[in-house]
Amino acid sequence: MSIVVPLLYTAVGIALYLLADWILRQLEARAGRVFEHRTLVFFGLLSALALGTFAVIRALLAAD
């Protein structure tokens, strides 16, 4: 495993964190309020994004 793969996962993880935060803020703006269990919603968003994206990355790297 080269050094590039851990850096790729780290960069994607940071991007997904920012994306999940942006999605959560958009959902709260549409609802017109801050969600009571904001942390759980953020965790769910981030987890779903990470599982899907990392599965795609793993599949693409396995194709090499």
N, C-alpha and C. Protein backbone atom coordinates (compact mmCIF):
# COMPACT_ATOMS: atom_id res chain seq x y z
N MET A 1 0.86 -1.18 0.00
CA MET A 1 0.00 0.00 0.00
C MET A 1 0.90 1.24 0.00
N SER A 2 0.64 2.10 -0.93
CA SER A 2 1.45 3.31 -1.01
C SER A 2 0.95 4.36 -0.02
N ILE A 3 1.71 5.40 0.13
CA ILE A 3 1.34 6.49 1.05
C ILE A 3 0.15 7.28 0.52
N VAL A 4 -0.13 7.16 -0.76
CA VAL A 4 -1.20 7.92 -1.38
C VAL A 4 -2.58 7.47 -0.89
N VAL A 5 -2.76 6.19 -0.65
CA VAL A 5 -4.07 5.67 -0.26
C VAL A 5 -4.53 6.24 1.09
N PRO A 6 -3.72 6.24 2.14
CA PRO A 6 -4.17 6.86 3.39
C PRO A 6 -4.44 8.36 3.23
N LEU A 7 -3.65 9.03 2.42
CA LEU A 7 -3.89 10.45 2.18
C LEU A 7 -5.21 10.66 1.43
N LEU A 8 -5.52 9.77 0.51
CA LEU A 8 -6.78 9.85 -0.23
C LEU A 8 -7.96 9.71 0.72
N TYR A 9 -7.92 8.69 1.57
CA TYR A 9 -9.01 8.49 2.53
C TYR A 9 -9.13 9.68 3.50
N THR A 10 -8.01 10.23 3.92
CA THR A 10 -8.04 11.38 4.81
C THR A 10 -8.66 12.60 4.13
N ALA A 11 -8.25 12.88 2.91
CA ALA A 11 -8.80 14.02 2.18
C ALA A 11 -10.29 13.84 1.92
N VAL A 12 -10.69 12.64 1.54
CA VAL A 12 -12.11 12.38 1.30
C VAL A 12 -12.90 12.50 2.60
N GLY A 13 -12.34 12.01 3.70
CA GLY A 13 -13.00 12.12 5.00
C GLY A 13 -13.23 13.57 5.41
N ILE A 14 -12.24 14.42 5.18
CA ILE A 14 -12.39 15.84 5.50
C ILE A 14 -13.48 16.47 4.63
N ALA A 15 -13.46 16.14 3.34
CA ALA A 15 -14.47 16.67 2.42
C ALA A 15 -15.87 16.20 2.83
N LEU A 16 -16.00 14.95 3.22
CA LEU A 16 -17.30 14.42 3.64
C LEU A 16 -17.78 15.09 4.92
N TYR A 17 -16.87 15.38 5.83
CA TYR A 17 -17.22 16.09 7.06
C TYR A 17 -17.82 17.45 6.73
N LEU A 18 -17.16 18.17 5.85
CA LEU A 18 -17.65 19.49 5.45
C LEU A 18 -18.98 19.39 4.71
N LEU A 19 -19.12 18.38 3.85
CA LEU A 19 -20.37 18.18 3.11
C LEU A 19 -21.51 17.84 4.07
N ALA A 20 -21.27 16.97 5.03
CA ALA A 20 -22.31 16.61 6.00
C ALA A 20 -22.74 17.83 6.81
N ASP A 21 -21.79 18.66 7.18
CA ASP A 21 -22.12 19.89 7.92
C ASP A 21 -22.97 20.82 7.06
N TRP A 22 -22.62 20.97 5.78
CA TRP A 22 -23.38 21.82 4.87
C TRP A 22 -24.80 21.29 4.68
N ILE A 23 -24.93 19.97 4.50
CA ILE A 23 -26.26 19.36 4.33
C ILE A 23 -27.10 19.58 5.59
N LEU A 24 -26.51 19.38 6.76
CA LEU A 24 -27.23 19.58 8.01
C LEU A 24 -27.71 21.02 8.15
N ARG A 25 -26.84 21.97 7.82
CA ARG A 25 -27.25 23.38 7.90
C ARG A 25 -28.38 23.69 6.92
N GLN A 26 -28.35 23.08 5.74
CA GLN A 26 -29.42 23.28 4.76
C GLN A 26 -30.73 22.69 5.27
N LEU A 27 -30.67 21.51 5.86
CA LEU A 27 -31.88 20.88 6.41
C LEU A 27 -32.47 21.73 7.54
N GLU A 28 -31.60 22.25 8.40
CA GLU A 28 -32.07 23.09 9.49
C GLU A 28 -32.67 24.41 8.97
N ALA A 29 -32.08 24.95 7.93
CA ALA A 29 -32.62 26.19 7.35
C ALA A 29 -34.00 25.94 6.75
N ARG A 30 -34.18 24.81 6.09
CA ARG A 30 -35.49 24.48 5.53
C ARG A 30 -36.52 24.25 6.62
N ALA A 31 -36.08 23.63 7.71
CA ALA A 31 -37.00 23.37 8.82
C ALA A 31 -37.27 24.64 9.62
N GLY A 32 -36.39 25.62 9.52
CA GLY A 32 -36.55 26.87 10.25
C GLY A 32 -36.20 26.77 11.72
N ARG A 33 -35.45 25.76 12.06
CA ARG A 33 -35.05 25.57 13.46
C ARG A 33 -33.80 24.71 13.52
N VAL A 34 -33.14 24.73 14.67
CA VAL A 34 -32.01 23.84 14.91
C VAL A 34 -32.56 22.54 15.45
N PHE A 35 -32.13 21.43 14.90
CA PHE A 35 -32.63 20.13 15.33
C PHE A 35 -32.23 19.84 16.78
N GLU A 36 -33.14 19.22 17.49
CA GLU A 36 -32.89 18.93 18.90
C GLU A 36 -31.71 17.98 19.07
N HIS A 37 -31.66 16.94 18.26
CA HIS A 37 -30.58 15.94 18.33
C HIS A 37 -29.66 16.12 17.13
N ARG A 38 -29.12 17.32 17.02
CA ARG A 38 -28.29 17.72 15.88
C ARG A 38 -27.09 16.79 15.70
N THR A 39 -26.47 16.40 16.77
CA THR A 39 -25.29 15.56 16.71
C THR A 39 -25.61 14.20 16.10
N LEU A 40 -26.74 13.64 16.46
CA LEU A 40 -27.13 12.34 15.91
C LEU A 40 -27.44 12.44 14.42
N VAL A 41 -28.08 13.52 14.01
CA VAL A 41 -28.36 13.72 12.59
C VAL A 41 -27.06 13.86 11.82
N PHE A 42 -26.13 14.64 12.36
CA PHE A 42 -24.82 14.81 11.72
C PHE A 42 -24.10 13.47 11.62
N PHE A 43 -24.12 12.70 12.69
CA PHE A 43 -23.47 11.39 12.69
C PHE A 43 -24.08 10.48 11.63
N GLY A 44 -25.39 10.48 11.51
CA GLY A 44 -26.06 9.66 10.51
C GLY A 44 -25.68 10.08 9.10
N LEU A 45 -25.68 11.37 8.85
CA LEU A 45 -25.28 11.88 7.53
C LEU A 45 -23.84 11.50 7.20
N LEU A 46 -22.95 11.77 8.13
CA LEU A 46 -21.53 11.49 7.89
C LEU A 46 -21.28 10.00 7.71
N SER A 47 -21.94 9.19 8.50
CA SER A 47 -21.76 7.74 8.38
C SER A 47 -22.23 7.23 7.03
N ALA A 48 -23.41 7.67 6.61
CA ALA A 48 -23.94 7.22 5.32
C ALA A 48 -23.04 7.66 4.17
N LEU A 49 -22.61 8.91 4.20
CA LEU A 49 -21.72 9.40 3.15
C LEU A 49 -20.40 8.64 3.14
N ALA A 50 -19.83 8.41 4.33
CA ALA A 50 -18.54 7.73 4.41
C ALA A 50 -18.63 6.28 3.96
N LEU A 51 -19.65 5.57 4.39
CA LEU A 51 -19.78 4.17 3.99
C LEU A 51 -19.91 4.03 2.48
N GLY A 52 -20.74 4.86 1.89
CA GLY A 52 -20.92 4.79 0.44
C GLY A 52 -19.68 5.20 -0.33
N THR A 53 -19.08 6.30 0.06
CA THR A 53 -17.92 6.81 -0.66
C THR A 53 -16.71 5.90 -0.50
N PHE A 54 -16.48 5.42 0.72
CA PHE A 54 -15.32 4.55 0.93
C PHE A 54 -15.49 3.22 0.23
N ALA A 55 -16.72 2.73 0.09
CA ALA A 55 -16.96 1.50 -0.66
C ALA A 55 -16.62 1.71 -2.15
N VAL A 56 -16.99 2.85 -2.67
CA VAL A 56 -16.66 3.17 -4.07
C VAL A 56 -15.15 3.26 -4.25
N ILE A 57 -14.47 3.94 -3.33
CA ILE A 57 -13.01 4.07 -3.42
C ILE A 57 -12.37 2.69 -3.36
N ARG A 58 -12.82 1.85 -2.43
CA ARG A 58 -12.26 0.51 -2.28
C ARG A 58 -12.43 -0.28 -3.57
N ALA A 59 -13.62 -0.17 -4.19
CA ALA A 59 -13.87 -0.90 -5.43
C ALA A 59 -12.99 -0.38 -6.56
N LEU A 60 -12.82 0.93 -6.63
CA LEU A 60 -11.97 1.50 -7.68
C LEU A 60 -10.51 1.12 -7.50
N LEU A 61 -10.06 1.09 -6.25
CA LEU A 61 -8.67 0.71 -6.00
C LEU A 61 -8.43 -0.78 -6.25
N ALA A 62 -9.45 -1.59 -6.02
CA ALA A 62 -9.32 -3.04 -6.27
C ALA A 62 -9.27 -3.33 -7.76
N ALA A 63 -9.83 -2.44 -8.57
CA ALA A 63 -9.83 -2.63 -10.01
C ALA A 63 -8.45 -2.42 -10.62
N ASP A 64 -7.58 -1.74 -9.88
CA ASP A 64 -6.21 -1.47 -10.40
C ASP A 64 -5.36 -2.67 -10.42
